[in-house]
């Protein structure tokens, strides 16, 4: 174990040293490298020293436990949440819904940068995708007291006919826990975003946590909505933006 890997080669070596197979190592490396490329160091290689200290089953595989039209349930079965979402996204891409499907993933943590997963679904399968996931309680009520809810990010991807998908990925914290791990922020800064309006972010965090809990169970989990788009709204927004950067642009 050491500090944050300084190269993709070192990152790959240390992931392999965790005892993961080649497929799992490649999936994690692709996620971390994408985060680094997008300037999201809190979700990049800085996660590897953290993973080296986490207990998880190196040989576990996520499993689809229930499937009916419009709804699926998965269990990570002890695998890292990253690998559960990788398996879920690949399955959705291979078997896209005719219209809409909700996927609830139980025991699914850590899940990484959620924008990575919805972007994958939008760009590889042309799907509208909405994803949220829960994490350990790290946000306190704006009025004070103990930590009550996770940062519980929300990511949305909308495919576009005229270029890259629009991808929104927002944590309910003023900073992310990843930024704290990466040394880019202090633990004291991990509060609901919004300053005087922080109650709004706290309410979103609570709502998302309870949504995931209702569909995926009491342990940390994720809920994904995918749908076939009926319209193509991004080009019109991009025209109105007149060159301004939109969420998800490189």
C-alpha atoms as a PDB file:
ATOM      1  CA  UNK A   1       0.000   0.000   0.000  1.00  0.00           C
ATOM      2  CA  UNK A   2       1.205   3.543  -0.674  1.00  0.00           C
ATOM      3  CA  UNK A   3       0.076   6.981  -1.701  1.00  0.00           C
ATOM      4  CA  UNK A   4      -2.068   7.889  -4.678  1.00  0.00           C
ATOM      5  CA  UNK A   5      -0.840   6.207  -7.889  1.00  0.00           C
ATOM      6  CA  UNK A   6       0.902   8.675 -10.178  1.00  0.00           C
ATOM      7  CA  UNK A   7       0.237   6.808 -13.440  1.00  0.00           C
ATOM      8  CA  UNK A   8      -2.266   4.498 -15.065  1.00  0.00           C
ATOM      9  CA  UNK A   9       0.369   1.755 -15.048  1.00  0.00           C
ATOM     10  CA  UNK A  10       0.854   2.012 -11.288  1.00  0.00           C
ATOM     11  CA  UNK A  11      -2.922   2.142 -10.782  1.00  0.00           C
ATOM     12  CA  UNK A  12      -3.367  -1.060 -12.799  1.00  0.00           C
ATOM     13  CA  UNK A  13      -0.612  -2.823 -10.863  1.00  0.00           C
ATOM     14  CA  UNK A  14      -2.094  -1.935  -7.484  1.00  0.00           C
ATOM     15  CA  UNK A  15      -5.617  -2.915  -8.511  1.00  0.00           C
ATOM     16  CA  UNK A  16      -4.343  -6.284  -9.689  1.00  0.00           C
ATOM     17  CA  UNK A  17      -2.516  -6.663  -6.367  1.00  0.00           C
ATOM     18  CA  UNK A  18      -5.879  -6.499  -4.591  1.00  0.00           C
ATOM     19  CA  UNK A  19      -6.578  -9.983  -5.921  1.00  0.00           C
ATOM     20  CA  UNK A  20      -9.146  -8.936  -8.517  1.00  0.00           C
ATOM     21  CA  UNK A  21      -9.334 -10.753 -11.833  1.00  0.00           C
ATOM     22  CA  UNK A  22      -8.412  -9.091 -15.125  1.00  0.00           C
ATOM     23  CA  UNK A  23     -12.014  -8.170 -15.988  1.00  0.00           C
ATOM     24  CA  UNK A  24     -12.641  -6.477 -12.647  1.00  0.00           C
ATOM     25  CA  UNK A  25      -9.279  -4.731 -12.721  1.00  0.00           C
ATOM     26  CA  UNK A  26      -9.979  -3.376 -16.207  1.00  0.00           C
ATOM     27  CA  UNK A  27     -13.434  -2.136 -15.198  1.00  0.00           C
ATOM     28  CA  UNK A  28     -12.105  -0.271 -12.159  1.00  0.00           C
ATOM     29  CA  UNK A  29      -9.150   1.125 -14.054  1.00  0.00           C
ATOM     30  CA  UNK A  30     -11.397   2.462 -16.824  1.00  0.00           C
ATOM     31  CA  UNK A  31     -13.603   4.189 -14.235  1.00  0.00           C
ATOM     32  CA  UNK A  32     -10.719   5.771 -12.356  1.00  0.00           C
ATOM     33  CA  UNK A  33      -8.896   6.837 -15.521  1.00  0.00           C
ATOM     34  CA  UNK A  34     -12.046   8.480 -16.874  1.00  0.00           C
ATOM     35  CA  UNK A  35     -12.450  10.409 -13.615  1.00  0.00           C
ATOM     36  CA  UNK A  36      -8.829  11.581 -13.805  1.00  0.00           C
ATOM     37  CA  UNK A  37      -9.294  12.702 -17.416  1.00  0.00           C
ATOM     38  CA  UNK A  38     -12.378  14.708 -16.440  1.00  0.00           C
ATOM     39  CA  UNK A  39     -10.612  16.400 -13.538  1.00  0.00           C
ATOM     40  CA  UNK A  40     -12.558  14.464 -10.875  1.00  0.00           C
ATOM     41  CA  UNK A  41      -9.570  13.401  -8.784  1.00  0.00           C
ATOM     42  CA  UNK A  42     -11.819  12.512  -5.862  1.00  0.00           C
ATOM     43  CA  UNK A  43     -13.197   9.648  -7.970  1.00  0.00           C
ATOM     44  CA  UNK A  44      -9.898   8.814  -9.655  1.00  0.00           C
ATOM     45  CA  UNK A  45      -6.698   7.144  -8.546  1.00  0.00           C
ATOM     46  CA  UNK A  46      -7.062   8.569  -5.037  1.00  0.00           C
ATOM     47  CA  UNK A  47      -9.701   5.885  -4.486  1.00  0.00           C
ATOM     48  CA  UNK A  48      -7.132   3.093  -4.791  1.00  0.00           C
ATOM     49  CA  UNK A  49      -5.391   3.632  -1.406  1.00  0.00           C
ATOM     50  CA  UNK A  50      -8.890   3.768   0.120  1.00  0.00           C
ATOM     51  CA  UNK A  51      -9.903   0.500  -1.574  1.00  0.00           C
ATOM     52  CA  UNK A  52      -6.725  -1.130  -0.299  1.00  0.00           C
ATOM     53  CA  UNK A  53      -8.085  -0.637   3.215  1.00  0.00           C
ATOM     54  CA  UNK A  54     -11.653  -1.835   2.571  1.00  0.00           C
ATOM     55  CA  UNK A  55     -12.952  -5.335   3.256  1.00  0.00           C
ATOM     56  CA  UNK A  56     -14.671  -6.849   0.246  1.00  0.00           C
ATOM     57  CA  UNK A  57     -15.006 -10.224  -1.449  1.00  0.00           C
ATOM     58  CA  UNK A  58     -12.532 -10.350  -4.340  1.00  0.00           C
ATOM     59  CA  UNK A  59     -14.363 -13.250  -5.950  1.00  0.00           C
ATOM     60  CA  UNK A  60     -17.990 -12.126  -5.513  1.00  0.00           C
ATOM     61  CA  UNK A  61     -20.130 -11.513  -8.575  1.00  0.00           C
ATOM     62  CA  UNK A  62     -23.287  -9.372  -8.752  1.00  0.00           C
ATOM     63  CA  UNK A  63     -26.448 -11.290  -9.559  1.00  0.00           C
ATOM     64  CA  UNK A  64     -29.799 -10.406 -11.107  1.00  0.00           C
ATOM     65  CA  UNK A  65     -32.282 -11.823  -8.609  1.00  0.00           C
ATOM     66  CA  UNK A  66     -35.610 -10.661 -10.035  1.00  0.00           C
ATOM     67  CA  UNK A  67     -36.845  -9.522 -13.432  1.00  0.00           C
ATOM     68  CA  UNK A  68     -40.280  -8.576 -14.712  1.00  0.00           C
ATOM     69  CA  UNK A  69     -41.134  -6.158 -17.521  1.00  0.00           C
ATOM     70  CA  UNK A  70     -40.186  -2.689 -16.311  1.00  0.00           C
ATOM     71  CA  UNK A  71     -38.398  -3.737 -13.101  1.00  0.00           C
ATOM     72  CA  UNK A  72     -35.251  -5.634 -12.136  1.00  0.00           C
ATOM     73  CA  UNK A  73     -33.559  -6.334  -8.849  1.00  0.00           C
ATOM     74  CA  UNK A  74     -29.839  -7.026  -8.480  1.00  0.00           C
ATOM     75  CA  UNK A  75     -27.696  -7.960  -5.493  1.00  0.00           C
ATOM     76  CA  UNK A  76     -24.016  -7.061  -5.494  1.00  0.00           C
ATOM     77  CA  UNK A  77     -23.452 -10.175  -3.352  1.00  0.00           C
ATOM     78  CA  UNK A  78     -20.354  -8.743  -1.722  1.00  0.00           C
ATOM     79  CA  UNK A  79     -18.782  -7.367  -4.901  1.00  0.00           C
ATOM     80  CA  UNK A  80     -17.713  -3.732  -5.092  1.00  0.00           C
ATOM     81  CA  UNK A  81     -20.515  -1.414  -6.149  1.00  0.00           C
ATOM     82  CA  UNK A  82     -18.415  -0.314  -9.113  1.00  0.00           C
ATOM     83  CA  UNK A  83     -18.482  -3.867 -10.437  1.00  0.00           C
ATOM     84  CA  UNK A  84     -22.191  -4.266  -9.729  1.00  0.00           C
ATOM     85  CA  UNK A  85     -23.007  -1.154 -11.769  1.00  0.00           C
ATOM     86  CA  UNK A  86     -20.651  -2.284 -14.523  1.00  0.00           C
ATOM     87  CA  UNK A  87     -22.534  -5.591 -14.759  1.00  0.00           C
ATOM     88  CA  UNK A  88     -25.924  -3.858 -14.630  1.00  0.00           C
ATOM     89  CA  UNK A  89     -25.017  -1.348 -17.351  1.00  0.00           C
ATOM     90  CA  UNK A  90     -23.614  -4.040 -19.613  1.00  0.00           C
ATOM     91  CA  UNK A  91     -26.774  -6.093 -19.144  1.00  0.00           C
ATOM     92  CA  UNK A  92     -29.010  -3.092 -19.915  1.00  0.00           C
ATOM     93  CA  UNK A  93     -26.953  -2.276 -23.026  1.00  0.00           C
ATOM     94  CA  UNK A  94     -27.233  -5.877 -24.217  1.00  0.00           C
ATOM     95  CA  UNK A  95     -30.951  -6.073 -23.374  1.00  0.00           C
ATOM     96  CA  UNK A  96     -32.349  -2.520 -23.558  1.00  0.00           C
ATOM     97  CA  UNK A  97     -35.939  -1.995 -22.426  1.00  0.00           C
ATOM     98  CA  UNK A  98     -38.686  -1.579 -24.979  1.00  0.00           C
ATOM     99  CA  UNK A  99     -39.809   1.526 -23.099  1.00  0.00           C
ATOM    100  CA  UNK A 100     -38.746   2.001 -19.480  1.00  0.00           C
ATOM    101  CA  UNK A 101     -37.118  -0.062 -16.740  1.00  0.00           C
ATOM    102  CA  UNK A 102     -36.233   0.576 -13.107  1.00  0.00           C
ATOM    103  CA  UNK A 103     -33.287  -1.360 -11.667  1.00  0.00           C
ATOM    104  CA  UNK A 104     -32.764  -1.604  -7.897  1.00  0.00           C
ATOM    105  CA  UNK A 105     -29.337  -2.781  -6.728  1.00  0.00           C
ATOM    106  CA  UNK A 106     -28.918  -3.976  -3.138  1.00  0.00           C
ATOM    107  CA  UNK A 107     -25.694  -4.068  -1.092  1.00  0.00           C
ATOM    108  CA  UNK A 108     -24.179  -1.857  -3.775  1.00  0.00           C
ATOM    109  CA  UNK A 109     -21.267   0.286  -2.512  1.00  0.00           C
ATOM    110  CA  UNK A 110     -19.048   2.092  -3.422  1.00  0.00           C
ATOM    111  CA  UNK A 111     -20.521   3.191  -6.741  1.00  0.00           C
ATOM    112  CA  UNK A 112     -18.027   5.850  -7.884  1.00  0.00           C
ATOM    113  CA  UNK A 113     -18.802   8.762 -10.176  1.00  0.00           C
ATOM    114  CA  UNK A 114     -22.417   8.135 -11.181  1.00  0.00           C
ATOM    115  CA  UNK A 115     -22.051  10.252 -14.304  1.00  0.00           C
ATOM    116  CA  UNK A 116     -19.733   7.572 -15.695  1.00  0.00           C
ATOM    117  CA  UNK A 117     -22.501   4.969 -15.643  1.00  0.00           C
ATOM    118  CA  UNK A 118     -25.311   7.088 -17.096  1.00  0.00           C
ATOM    119  CA  UNK A 119     -22.980   8.396 -19.805  1.00  0.00           C
ATOM    120  CA  UNK A 120     -22.193   4.800 -20.739  1.00  0.00           C
ATOM    121  CA  UNK A 121     -25.902   4.024 -21.123  1.00  0.00           C
ATOM    122  CA  UNK A 122     -26.649   7.172 -23.129  1.00  0.00           C
ATOM    123  CA  UNK A 123     -23.708   6.870 -25.495  1.00  0.00           C
ATOM    124  CA  UNK A 124     -23.602   3.107 -25.994  1.00  0.00           C
ATOM    125  CA  UNK A 125     -27.343   2.389 -25.997  1.00  0.00           C
ATOM    126  CA  UNK A 126     -28.992   5.757 -26.690  1.00  0.00           C
ATOM    127  CA  UNK A 127     -30.952   5.572 -23.451  1.00  0.00           C
ATOM    128  CA  UNK A 128     -32.117   8.283 -21.104  1.00  0.00           C
ATOM    129  CA  UNK A 129     -30.637   7.287 -17.730  1.00  0.00           C
ATOM    130  CA  UNK A 130     -31.174   8.508 -14.170  1.00  0.00           C
ATOM    131  CA  UNK A 131     -29.118   7.024 -11.331  1.00  0.00           C
ATOM    132  CA  UNK A 132     -28.814   7.637  -7.617  1.00  0.00           C
ATOM    133  CA  UNK A 133     -26.934   5.755  -4.908  1.00  0.00           C
ATOM    134  CA  UNK A 134     -26.589   5.945  -1.152  1.00  0.00           C
ATOM    135  CA  UNK A 135     -23.489   6.147   1.003  1.00  0.00           C
ATOM    136  CA  UNK A 136     -22.615   6.218   4.716  1.00  0.00           C
ATOM    137  CA  UNK A 137     -24.203   9.053   6.683  1.00  0.00           C
ATOM    138  CA  UNK A 138     -21.953  12.063   6.148  1.00  0.00           C
ATOM    139  CA  UNK A 139     -24.336  15.028   6.038  1.00  0.00           C
ATOM    140  CA  UNK A 140     -25.819  16.524   9.180  1.00  0.00           C
ATOM    141  CA  UNK A 141     -29.052  18.486   9.349  1.00  0.00           C
ATOM    142  CA  UNK A 142     -28.431  22.176   8.514  1.00  0.00           C
ATOM    143  CA  UNK A 143     -29.538  22.988  12.061  1.00  0.00           C
ATOM    144  CA  UNK A 144     -26.800  20.734  13.473  1.00  0.00           C
ATOM    145  CA  UNK A 145     -26.666  17.374  15.175  1.00  0.00           C
ATOM    146  CA  UNK A 146     -25.211  14.048  14.029  1.00  0.00           C
ATOM    147  CA  UNK A 147     -24.709  12.976  10.434  1.00  0.00           C
ATOM    148  CA  UNK A 148     -28.049  11.660   9.200  1.00  0.00           C
ATOM    149  CA  UNK A 149     -27.741  10.925   5.491  1.00  0.00           C
ATOM    150  CA  UNK A 150     -25.255  10.284   2.745  1.00  0.00           C
ATOM    151  CA  UNK A 151     -24.159  12.689   0.049  1.00  0.00           C
ATOM    152  CA  UNK A 152     -26.426  10.587  -2.222  1.00  0.00           C
ATOM    153  CA  UNK A 153     -25.539  11.911  -5.695  1.00  0.00           C
ATOM    154  CA  UNK A 154     -27.953  12.100  -8.605  1.00  0.00           C
ATOM    155  CA  UNK A 155     -26.834  11.631 -12.199  1.00  0.00           C
ATOM    156  CA  UNK A 156     -28.872  12.148 -15.383  1.00  0.00           C
ATOM    157  CA  UNK A 157     -27.814  11.514 -18.981  1.00  0.00           C
ATOM    158  CA  UNK A 158     -29.762  12.589 -22.058  1.00  0.00           C
ATOM    159  CA  UNK A 159     -28.495  11.350 -25.447  1.00  0.00           C
ATOM    160  CA  UNK A 160     -28.247  13.851 -28.288  1.00  0.00           C
ATOM    161  CA  UNK A 161     -28.380  13.591 -32.074  1.00  0.00           C
ATOM    162  CA  UNK A 162     -25.920  16.465 -32.547  1.00  0.00           C
ATOM    163  CA  UNK A 163     -23.019  15.426 -30.343  1.00  0.00           C
ATOM    164  CA  UNK A 164     -22.178  14.255 -26.826  1.00  0.00           C
ATOM    165  CA  UNK A 165     -24.870  13.459 -24.332  1.00  0.00           C
ATOM    166  CA  UNK A 166     -25.703  15.987 -21.656  1.00  0.00           C
ATOM    167  CA  UNK A 167     -24.643  14.453 -18.340  1.00  0.00           C
ATOM    168  CA  UNK A 168     -25.551  15.936 -14.956  1.00  0.00           C
ATOM    169  CA  UNK A 169     -23.870  14.470 -11.859  1.00  0.00           C
ATOM    170  CA  UNK A 170     -24.474  16.289  -8.579  1.00  0.00           C
ATOM    171  CA  UNK A 171     -23.656  15.278  -5.008  1.00  0.00           C
ATOM    172  CA  UNK A 172     -25.774  16.764  -2.251  1.00  0.00           C
ATOM    173  CA  UNK A 173     -22.649  17.777  -0.343  1.00  0.00           C
ATOM    174  CA  UNK A 174     -20.844  21.078  -0.700  1.00  0.00           C
ATOM    175  CA  UNK A 175     -17.832  18.840  -1.377  1.00  0.00           C
ATOM    176  CA  UNK A 176     -17.657  15.113  -2.060  1.00  0.00           C
ATOM    177  CA  UNK A 177     -16.225  12.521   0.277  1.00  0.00           C
ATOM    178  CA  UNK A 178     -13.834  11.707  -2.550  1.00  0.00           C
ATOM    179  CA  UNK A 179     -12.498  15.252  -2.403  1.00  0.00           C
ATOM    180  CA  UNK A 180     -11.808  14.727   1.295  1.00  0.00           C
ATOM    181  CA  UNK A 181     -10.014  11.443   0.565  1.00  0.00           C
ATOM    182  CA  UNK A 182      -7.968  13.143  -2.145  1.00  0.00           C
ATOM    183  CA  UNK A 183      -6.962  15.945   0.223  1.00  0.00           C
ATOM    184  CA  UNK A 184      -8.825  18.527  -1.854  1.00  0.00           C
ATOM    185  CA  UNK A 185     -11.265  19.449   0.923  1.00  0.00           C
ATOM    186  CA  UNK A 186     -11.579  19.075   4.674  1.00  0.00           C
ATOM    187  CA  UNK A 187     -14.088  16.892   6.490  1.00  0.00           C
ATOM    188  CA  UNK A 188     -15.578  20.055   7.998  1.00  0.00           C
ATOM    189  CA  UNK A 189     -16.587  21.178   4.505  1.00  0.00           C
ATOM    190  CA  UNK A 190     -18.698  18.055   3.995  1.00  0.00           C
ATOM    191  CA  UNK A 191     -22.080  19.695   4.608  1.00  0.00           C
ATOM    192  CA  UNK A 192     -25.210  20.057   2.446  1.00  0.00           C
ATOM    193  CA  UNK A 193     -24.515  22.510  -0.361  1.00  0.00           C
ATOM    194  CA  UNK A 194     -26.341  25.804  -0.661  1.00  0.00           C
ATOM    195  CA  UNK A 195     -25.240  27.908   2.294  1.00  0.00           C
ATOM    196  CA  UNK A 196     -28.358  29.602   3.627  1.00  0.00           C
ATOM    197  CA  UNK A 197     -30.433  27.308   1.393  1.00  0.00           C
ATOM    198  CA  UNK A 198     -28.697  24.100   2.524  1.00  0.00           C
ATOM    199  CA  UNK A 199     -32.037  22.692   3.689  1.00  0.00           C
ATOM    200  CA  UNK A 200     -32.857  22.079   0.001  1.00  0.00           C
ATOM    201  CA  UNK A 201     -29.807  19.886  -0.573  1.00  0.00           C
ATOM    202  CA  UNK A 202     -30.457  18.114   2.726  1.00  0.00           C
ATOM    203  CA  UNK A 203     -34.048  17.424   1.679  1.00  0.00           C
ATOM    204  CA  UNK A 204     -32.859  15.990  -1.642  1.00  0.00           C
ATOM    205  CA  UNK A 205     -30.320  13.801   0.134  1.00  0.00           C
ATOM    206  CA  UNK A 206     -33.001  12.474   2.495  1.00  0.00           C
ATOM    207  CA  UNK A 207     -35.481  11.902  -0.336  1.00  0.00           C
ATOM    208  CA  UNK A 208     -32.958  10.003  -2.438  1.00  0.00           C
ATOM    209  CA  UNK A 209     -31.821   7.922   0.526  1.00  0.00           C
ATOM    210  CA  UNK A 210     -35.381   6.885   1.322  1.00  0.00           C
ATOM    211  CA  UNK A 211     -36.126   6.182  -2.346  1.00  0.00           C
ATOM    212  CA  UNK A 212     -33.167   3.823  -2.572  1.00  0.00           C
ATOM    213  CA  UNK A 213     -34.028   2.289   0.802  1.00  0.00           C
ATOM    214  CA  UNK A 214     -37.617   1.629  -0.298  1.00  0.00           C
ATOM    215  CA  UNK A 215     -36.560  -0.089  -3.528  1.00  0.00           C
ATOM    216  CA  UNK A 216     -33.157  -1.619  -2.748  1.00  0.00           C
ATOM    217  CA  UNK A 217     -33.312  -2.310   0.992  1.00  0.00           C
ATOM    218  CA  UNK A 218     -31.709  -0.933   4.147  1.00  0.00           C
ATOM    219  CA  UNK A 219     -28.063  -1.416   3.145  1.00  0.00           C
ATOM    220  CA  UNK A 220     -26.333   1.002   0.771  1.00  0.00           C
ATOM    221  CA  UNK A 221     -27.703   0.582  -2.722  1.00  0.00           C
ATOM    222  CA  UNK A 222     -28.504   2.190  -6.047  1.00  0.00           C
ATOM    223  CA  UNK A 223     -31.580   2.820  -8.164  1.00  0.00           C
ATOM    224  CA  UNK A 224     -31.343   3.228 -11.934  1.00  0.00           C
ATOM    225  CA  UNK A 225     -34.075   4.360 -14.333  1.00  0.00           C
ATOM    226  CA  UNK A 226     -33.520   3.818 -18.058  1.00  0.00           C
ATOM    227  CA  UNK A 227     -35.910   4.750 -20.854  1.00  0.00           C
ATOM    228  CA  UNK A 228     -36.048   4.989 -24.609  1.00  0.00           C
ATOM    229  CA  UNK A 229     -36.153   8.691 -25.514  1.00  0.00           C
ATOM    230  CA  UNK A 230     -39.208   9.893 -27.362  1.00  0.00           C
ATOM    231  CA  UNK A 231     -37.746  13.286 -28.238  1.00  0.00           C
ATOM    232  CA  UNK A 232     -34.375  14.933 -28.862  1.00  0.00           C
ATOM    233  CA  UNK A 233     -34.223  18.088 -26.684  1.00  0.00           C
ATOM    234  CA  UNK A 234     -30.456  18.592 -26.456  1.00  0.00           C
ATOM    235  CA  UNK A 235     -29.821  20.285 -29.850  1.00  0.00           C
ATOM    236  CA  UNK A 236     -32.297  23.049 -29.029  1.00  0.00           C
ATOM    237  CA  UNK A 237     -30.675  23.668 -25.647  1.00  0.00           C
ATOM    238  CA  UNK A 238     -27.221  23.615 -27.196  1.00  0.00           C
ATOM    239  CA  UNK A 239     -28.329  26.207 -29.766  1.00  0.00           C
ATOM    240  CA  UNK A 240     -29.720  28.470 -27.041  1.00  0.00           C
ATOM    241  CA  UNK A 241     -26.526  28.044 -25.016  1.00  0.00           C
ATOM    242  CA  UNK A 242     -24.592  29.563 -27.939  1.00  0.00           C
ATOM    243  CA  UNK A 243     -21.276  27.943 -27.112  1.00  0.00           C
ATOM    244  CA  UNK A 244     -21.570  27.898 -23.320  1.00  0.00           C
ATOM    245  CA  UNK A 245     -20.384  24.693 -21.691  1.00  0.00           C
ATOM    246  CA  UNK A 246     -23.197  22.292 -20.817  1.00  0.00           C
ATOM    247  CA  UNK A 247     -23.032  19.660 -18.054  1.00  0.00           C
ATOM    248  CA  UNK A 248     -20.937  16.710 -19.148  1.00  0.00           C
ATOM    249  CA  UNK A 249     -19.036  18.534 -21.878  1.00  0.00           C
ATOM    250  CA  UNK A 250     -15.344  17.720 -21.955  1.00  0.00           C
END
